[in-house]
Protein backbone atom coordinates (compact mmCIF):
# COMPACT_ATOMS: atom_id res chain seq x y z
CA MET A 1 8.85 -26.00 -16.61
CA GLY A 2 10.59 -27.52 -13.58
CA SER A 3 9.55 -30.86 -12.09
CA SER A 4 8.64 -29.24 -8.75
CA ILE A 5 6.26 -26.83 -10.49
CA ILE A 6 4.63 -29.67 -12.43
CA LYS A 7 4.21 -31.60 -9.18
CA ASP A 8 2.70 -28.57 -7.46
CA LEU A 9 0.24 -27.90 -10.28
CA SER A 10 -0.82 -31.55 -10.35
CA HIS A 11 -1.49 -31.43 -6.61
CA LEU A 12 -3.39 -28.14 -6.82
CA LYS A 13 -5.49 -29.31 -9.76
CA LYS A 14 -7.12 -31.88 -7.45
CA LYS A 15 -8.20 -28.99 -5.24
CA ARG A 16 -9.53 -26.93 -8.15
CA PHE A 17 -6.86 -24.34 -7.41
CA SER A 18 -6.12 -22.31 -10.53
CA THR A 19 -2.78 -22.20 -12.30
CA LYS A 20 -3.19 -18.43 -12.51
CA SER A 21 -3.30 -18.11 -8.72
CA TYR A 22 -0.26 -20.37 -8.37
CA PHE A 23 1.88 -18.00 -10.42
CA THR A 24 0.26 -14.72 -9.30
CA ASN A 25 0.97 -15.58 -5.65
CA LEU A 26 4.57 -16.64 -6.48
CA MET A 27 3.90 -20.08 -5.00
CA TYR A 28 6.58 -21.66 -7.17
CA LYS A 29 9.35 -19.86 -5.29
CA LYS A 30 11.41 -21.69 -2.66
CA SER A 31 10.46 -19.02 -0.14
CA ALA A 32 6.70 -19.61 -0.65
CA GLY A 33 6.27 -22.10 2.19
CA ASN A 34 3.45 -24.67 2.13
CA ILE A 35 1.34 -24.26 -1.01
CA ASP A 36 -1.68 -25.65 0.85
CA ASP A 37 -1.73 -22.48 2.96
CA TYR A 38 -2.69 -20.34 -0.04
CA VAL A 39 -6.23 -19.62 -1.20
CA ASP A 40 -7.36 -19.34 -4.80
CA HIS A 41 -8.12 -15.99 -6.43
CA GLU A 42 -11.85 -16.77 -6.54
CA ILE A 43 -11.85 -16.88 -2.74
CA TYR A 44 -9.88 -13.71 -2.13
CA LEU A 45 -11.84 -11.83 -4.78
CA LYS A 46 -14.99 -12.84 -2.91
CA ILE A 47 -13.43 -11.55 0.32
CA ALA A 48 -12.57 -8.26 -1.37
CA LYS A 49 -16.09 -7.89 -2.76
CA ASP A 50 -18.23 -9.19 0.11
CA TYR A 51 -16.14 -8.17 3.13
CA TYR A 52 -14.03 -5.16 2.18
CA ARG A 53 -16.31 -3.51 -0.38
CA PRO A 54 -19.88 -4.78 0.05
CA ASN A 55 -21.19 -1.37 -1.08
CA GLY A 56 -18.39 -0.48 -3.48
CA LYS A 57 -15.46 1.83 -2.74
CA ASN A 58 -15.60 3.60 0.62
CA PHE A 59 -15.75 7.32 -0.12
CA LEU A 60 -14.41 8.25 3.34
CA LEU A 61 -11.12 6.49 2.60
CA GLU A 62 -10.79 6.52 -1.15
CA ASP A 63 -11.35 10.26 -1.68
CA LYS A 64 -8.01 11.79 -0.69
CA ILE A 65 -9.43 15.23 0.12
CA VAL A 66 -12.06 13.78 2.44
CA PHE A 67 -9.46 11.45 3.99
CA GLN A 68 -6.87 14.12 4.75
CA GLU A 69 -9.53 16.46 6.15
CA HIS A 70 -10.71 13.65 8.42
CA LEU A 71 -7.17 13.18 9.75
CA LYS A 72 -6.79 16.92 10.34
CA ILE A 73 -10.10 17.21 12.22
CA ASN A 74 -9.11 14.30 14.45
CA GLY A 75 -5.59 15.58 15.10
CA ILE A 76 -3.93 12.60 13.38
CA PRO A 77 -0.59 13.28 11.60
CA GLY A 78 -1.00 13.23 7.84
CA THR A 79 0.48 14.95 4.82
CA LYS A 80 0.66 18.73 4.34
CA LEU A 81 -2.19 19.66 2.00
CA LEU A 82 -1.19 22.74 0.02
CA ALA A 83 -3.97 23.07 -2.54
CA LYS A 84 -6.89 21.36 -4.24
CA PHE A 85 -7.60 21.08 -7.96
CA LYS A 86 -11.38 20.74 -8.20
CA ASP A 87 -13.79 21.26 -11.09
CA GLY A 88 -11.01 22.79 -13.17
CA LYS A 89 -10.05 25.30 -10.48
CA LEU A 90 -6.93 25.42 -8.33
CA LEU A 91 -7.86 26.31 -4.76
CA VAL A 92 -5.02 27.60 -2.58
CA GLU A 93 -6.23 28.70 0.85
CA THR A 94 -8.87 31.35 0.05
CA ASN A 95 -7.67 31.99 -3.51
CA SER A 96 -9.05 30.41 -6.66
CA TYR A 97 -7.25 30.12 -10.01
CA VAL A 98 -8.96 29.20 -13.28
CA GLU A 99 -6.73 30.39 -16.13
CA PRO A 100 -4.30 27.56 -17.09
CA LYS A 101 -1.18 29.76 -17.15
CA ARG A 102 -1.99 31.11 -13.68
CA ILE A 103 -2.52 27.58 -12.39
CA GLU A 104 0.79 26.39 -13.83
CA PHE A 105 2.55 29.45 -12.37
CA LYS A 106 1.08 28.83 -8.92
CA LEU A 107 2.01 25.14 -8.96
CA LYS A 108 5.59 26.00 -10.00
CA LYS A 109 5.71 28.59 -7.22
CA LEU A 110 4.62 25.99 -4.65
CA ALA A 111 7.31 23.63 -5.97
CA SER A 112 9.84 26.44 -5.63
CA ILE A 113 8.83 27.19 -2.04
CA TYR A 114 8.89 23.56 -0.87
CA GLY A 115 11.53 22.11 -3.20
CA SER A 116 9.01 19.71 -4.71
CA ILE A 117 5.32 18.86 -4.52
CA PHE A 118 3.13 15.85 -5.25
CA ILE A 119 -0.05 16.16 -7.29
CA LYS A 120 -2.39 13.21 -6.73
CA CYS A 121 -5.71 12.31 -8.27
CA THR A 122 -8.20 12.15 -5.40
CA ASP A 123 -9.41 8.65 -6.30
CA THR A 124 -6.15 7.14 -7.55
CA SER A 125 -4.77 3.75 -6.56
CA GLY A 126 -1.60 1.83 -7.28
CA GLY A 127 0.38 4.98 -8.05
CA GLU A 128 -1.68 5.99 -11.08
CA GLY A 129 -2.46 9.68 -11.48
CA ILE A 130 0.42 10.82 -9.26
CA PHE A 131 2.91 13.46 -10.39
CA LYS A 132 5.98 14.80 -8.62
CA VAL A 133 6.93 18.35 -9.56
CA ASN A 134 10.42 19.47 -8.58
CA ASN A 135 11.54 23.07 -8.33
CA ASP A 136 13.19 23.06 -11.76
CA ASP A 137 10.61 20.91 -13.57
CA VAL A 138 8.48 22.13 -16.44
CA PHE A 139 4.94 21.04 -15.61
CA ASN A 140 2.20 21.08 -18.24
CA LEU A 141 -1.39 21.27 -17.03
CA GLU A 142 -2.34 18.96 -19.89
CA ASN A 143 -0.91 16.12 -17.78
CA LEU A 144 -3.99 16.41 -15.58
CA SER A 145 -7.46 15.26 -16.59
CA ILE A 146 -9.99 18.10 -16.40
CA SER A 147 -12.67 15.54 -15.48
CA LYS A 148 -10.85 14.57 -12.27
CA ASP A 149 -10.01 16.24 -8.98
CA TYR A 150 -6.52 16.40 -7.46
CA ILE A 151 -4.76 17.36 -4.25
CA VAL A 152 -1.40 19.10 -4.05
CA GLU A 153 0.82 17.98 -1.17
CA ARG A 154 4.17 19.06 0.17
CA THR A 155 6.83 16.40 -0.45
CA LEU A 156 7.78 14.75 2.81
CA ILE A 157 11.34 14.91 4.09
CA GLN A 158 12.04 11.23 4.63
CA HIS A 159 13.79 9.84 7.70
CA GLU A 160 17.46 9.12 7.01
CA ALA A 161 16.98 5.45 7.94
CA LEU A 162 14.53 5.12 5.04
CA ASN A 163 16.88 6.93 2.66
CA ARG A 164 19.39 4.18 3.30
CA VAL A 165 16.87 1.71 1.84
CA ASN A 166 16.13 3.84 -1.24
CA PRO A 167 16.56 7.63 -1.32
CA HIS A 168 14.67 8.01 -4.60
CA SER A 169 11.19 7.13 -3.30
CA ILE A 170 9.11 7.81 -0.22
CA ASN A 171 9.31 4.27 1.18
CA THR A 172 6.14 3.34 3.01
CA LEU A 173 4.75 0.76 5.37
CA ARG A 174 1.35 -0.81 4.71
CA VAL A 175 -0.18 -1.65 8.09
CA ILE A 176 -3.41 -3.67 8.20
CA THR A 177 -5.76 -3.04 11.12
CA PHE A 178 -8.95 -4.81 12.20
CA LYS A 179 -11.21 -3.28 14.80
CA THR A 180 -13.64 -5.02 17.14
CA GLY A 181 -15.27 -2.51 19.43
CA ASP A 182 -12.43 -0.43 20.87
CA LYS A 183 -9.83 -3.15 20.32
CA VAL A 184 -7.54 -2.79 17.30
CA VAL A 185 -5.26 -5.60 16.09
CA ILE A 186 -2.51 -5.59 13.46
CA PRO A 187 -2.33 -9.01 11.74
CA ASN A 188 0.33 -8.07 9.19
CA CYS A 189 2.47 -5.33 7.63
CA MET A 190 4.35 -4.91 4.36
CA PHE A 191 7.22 -2.52 3.73
CA ARG A 192 7.33 -1.05 0.21
CA MET A 193 9.98 0.75 -1.81
CA SER A 194 10.79 1.68 -5.38
CA LYS A 195 12.97 -0.83 -7.20
CA GLY A 196 15.12 1.85 -8.82
CA THR A 197 15.02 5.63 -9.14
CA SER A 198 11.25 5.99 -9.48
CA TYR A 199 9.53 8.12 -6.83
CA LEU A 200 6.66 5.57 -6.69
CA ASP A 201 7.01 2.72 -4.19
CA ASN A 202 3.76 0.97 -5.19
CA ALA A 203 4.07 -2.72 -5.96
CA SER A 204 1.67 -2.26 -8.89
CA ALA A 205 4.12 0.30 -10.31
CA GLY A 206 6.99 -2.20 -10.19
CA GLY A 207 8.11 -1.60 -6.61
CA ILE A 208 9.46 -4.12 -4.10
CA PHE A 209 7.61 -5.26 -0.99
CA VAL A 210 8.84 -7.26 2.00
CA SER A 211 7.14 -8.55 5.14
CA TYR A 212 7.57 -6.61 8.39
CA ASP A 213 7.10 -7.93 11.92
CA ILE A 214 6.03 -4.75 13.67
CA ASP A 215 6.04 -6.24 17.17
CA ASN A 216 9.66 -7.36 16.91
CA ASN A 217 10.64 -4.56 14.50
CA ARG A 218 12.14 -6.86 11.88
CA LEU A 219 11.93 -6.98 8.12
CA GLY A 220 11.63 -10.34 6.39
CA ASP A 221 14.56 -11.72 4.46
CA THR A 222 13.10 -11.47 0.94
CA GLY A 223 11.65 -8.62 -1.10
CA TYR A 224 9.32 -9.38 -4.01
CA GLN A 225 7.88 -7.85 -7.13
CA LEU A 226 4.39 -8.73 -8.28
CA PHE A 227 4.21 -11.40 -10.98
CA ARG A 228 3.05 -8.96 -13.66
CA ASN A 229 6.09 -6.78 -12.98
CA GLY A 230 8.67 -9.53 -13.29
CA ALA A 231 8.23 -11.54 -10.07
CA LYS A 232 11.85 -11.05 -9.09
CA SER A 233 13.04 -11.74 -5.54
CA TYR A 234 15.65 -9.70 -3.71
CA LYS A 235 17.67 -10.31 -0.57
CA ARG A 236 18.96 -6.74 -0.76
CA HIS A 237 17.86 -3.60 -2.53
CA PRO A 238 19.17 -3.56 -6.14
CA VAL A 239 20.24 0.12 -5.95
CA THR A 240 21.55 0.61 -2.40
CA ASN A 241 22.42 -3.00 -1.47
CA PHE A 242 20.39 -2.55 1.71
CA VAL A 243 19.97 -6.03 3.27
CA PHE A 244 16.37 -6.77 4.24
CA LYS A 245 16.76 -9.67 6.68
CA ASP A 246 16.10 -8.58 10.28
CA ALA A 247 16.58 -4.88 9.45
CA SER A 248 14.67 -2.55 11.74
CA LEU A 249 12.56 0.52 10.97
CA PRO A 250 12.23 3.63 13.15
CA PHE A 251 9.23 4.40 15.35
CA ASN A 252 7.64 0.93 15.43
CA GLU A 253 5.79 1.66 18.70
CA GLU A 254 4.73 5.08 17.41
CA VAL A 255 3.42 3.50 14.21
CA LYS A 256 1.30 1.04 16.18
CA ALA A 257 -0.14 3.82 18.33
CA LEU A 258 -0.79 5.99 15.25
CA VAL A 259 -2.73 3.41 13.23
CA LYS A 260 -4.75 2.29 16.24
CA GLU A 261 -5.77 5.89 16.94
CA ALA A 262 -6.66 6.36 13.27
CA ALA A 263 -8.62 3.08 13.15
CA ARG A 264 -10.71 4.13 16.16
CA SER A 265 -11.56 7.42 14.47
CA TYR A 266 -13.59 5.51 11.84
CA ASP A 267 -16.61 4.16 13.71
CA GLN A 268 -18.19 2.22 10.87
CA ILE A 269 -15.11 0.71 9.18
CA GLU A 270 -13.71 -2.53 10.60
CA SER A 271 -10.56 -3.05 8.53
CA ILE A 272 -8.23 -0.50 6.90
CA GLY A 273 -4.85 -0.72 5.21
CA TRP A 274 -2.77 2.30 6.28
CA ASP A 275 0.13 3.67 4.23
CA ILE A 276 2.71 5.12 6.61
CA ALA A 277 5.65 7.37 5.75
CA TYR A 278 8.58 8.13 8.06
CA THR A 279 9.78 11.66 8.73
CA GLN A 280 12.55 12.71 11.09
CA ASP A 281 9.86 13.74 13.57
CA GLY A 282 7.85 10.54 13.42
CA PRO A 283 5.40 8.56 11.29
CA VAL A 284 2.59 10.16 9.28
CA ILE A 285 -0.35 8.64 7.45
CA LEU A 286 -0.42 9.04 3.66
CA GLU A 287 -3.53 7.03 2.82
CA GLY A 288 -6.14 4.66 4.18
CA ASN A 289 -7.19 1.79 1.90
CA ASP A 290 -10.58 0.12 2.10
CA SER A 291 -9.39 -3.03 0.29
CA PRO A 292 -5.80 -3.96 1.22
CA HIS A 293 -3.85 -5.96 -1.36
CA ILE A 294 -4.64 -9.62 -0.59
CA VAL A 295 -2.06 -11.00 -3.05
CA MET A 296 0.74 -9.07 -1.35
CA THR A 297 -0.60 -10.28 1.99
CA GLN A 298 -0.53 -13.89 0.81
CA ILE A 299 2.99 -13.59 -0.54
CA THR A 300 4.42 -12.00 2.60
CA LEU A 301 2.52 -14.31 4.99
CA GLN A 302 3.19 -17.44 2.90
CA GLY A 303 -0.55 -17.85 2.43
CA LEU A 304 -3.62 -16.54 4.26
CA LEU A 305 -4.13 -19.94 5.89
CA ASN A 306 -0.67 -19.63 7.45
CA SER A 307 -2.07 -16.83 9.62
CA ASN A 308 -4.19 -17.87 12.61
CA PHE A 309 -5.83 -14.45 12.56
CA TYR A 310 -6.95 -14.61 8.91
CA LYS A 311 -7.81 -18.29 9.22
CA GLU A 312 -10.31 -17.41 11.95
CA LYS A 313 -11.44 -14.06 10.56
CA PHE A 314 -12.36 -15.38 7.14
CA LYS A 315 -13.20 -18.96 8.10
CA GLU A 316 -16.58 -18.79 6.36
CA TYR A 317 -14.73 -18.19 3.09
CA PHE A 318 -12.20 -20.94 3.78
CA GLU A 319 -14.55 -23.77 4.78
CA ASN A 320 -14.50 -25.45 1.38
CA VAL A 321 -10.71 -25.10 1.21
CA GLU A 322 -10.33 -26.84 4.56
CA LEU A 323 -12.67 -29.68 3.52
CA VAL A 324 -10.61 -30.33 0.42
CA LYS A 325 -7.42 -30.43 2.48
CA VAL A 326 -8.97 -32.89 4.95
CA ARG A 327 -10.12 -35.22 2.17
CA GLU A 328 -6.61 -35.33 0.79
């Protein structure tokens, strides 16, 4: 273990900051900034439980069928919903299919029509329970759990600018919004992509994430993997050699307008993490998350306390942290 890490851990021990949080938040990296700007996992778990999910998961956001129907009703661009798999039945428009062979045939036909489709568990997170079926794939219904519901979506045609980052995955932007009355603010964003040839860009599935300044339309200079997936850092994408530093993304103003419109459509929800995909025609919303990934936020912001917005928003959770810092 390096001398700088030992020094950091000795300093953090005085603050009752866990070794686990030090490594999970990649605070040992040279790009981590001031380690005193990070908060321990006990604090951000309390934020997740008491602020984001005081009553458990939010059904309006976490159920993908309900979420996409909400977008459609409100005229907000989302994914193309082709079918639903509910209670063991495949529902396509007004038709219902029960027999497994008929279901498999219909899914393969949809993949043939659209080139490929995505099948997603309605309550999945982190990329689990997601299947991509290409036109020539052999799909077995046994891959799906009969106790769960799924949606079938048309695969998006990704904007060419995003293909230059990684053409193998739908690369998405996580945009965090907070709403006070009719005012919506965006304190931070994270751009996500698959590390290699996987179609999943989720960080929990091994993907890379990098900070994004949406106001100035600039990516940060370093992409990261989560600690449990190797904790590697990248200045450029390992497959395409796309350089992250100061790279721009299309439609930054359109993305801001889109998420603000979507945030206002949910009267009772103050903060949402939006997953945005880029098509040639503009941005669309893939998902809304009721508990955005605080570890990824810390890593890309160099600590929650490095953000004036989060420092003020969650000050009641940070009071003890600040007192410790003052005493030192």
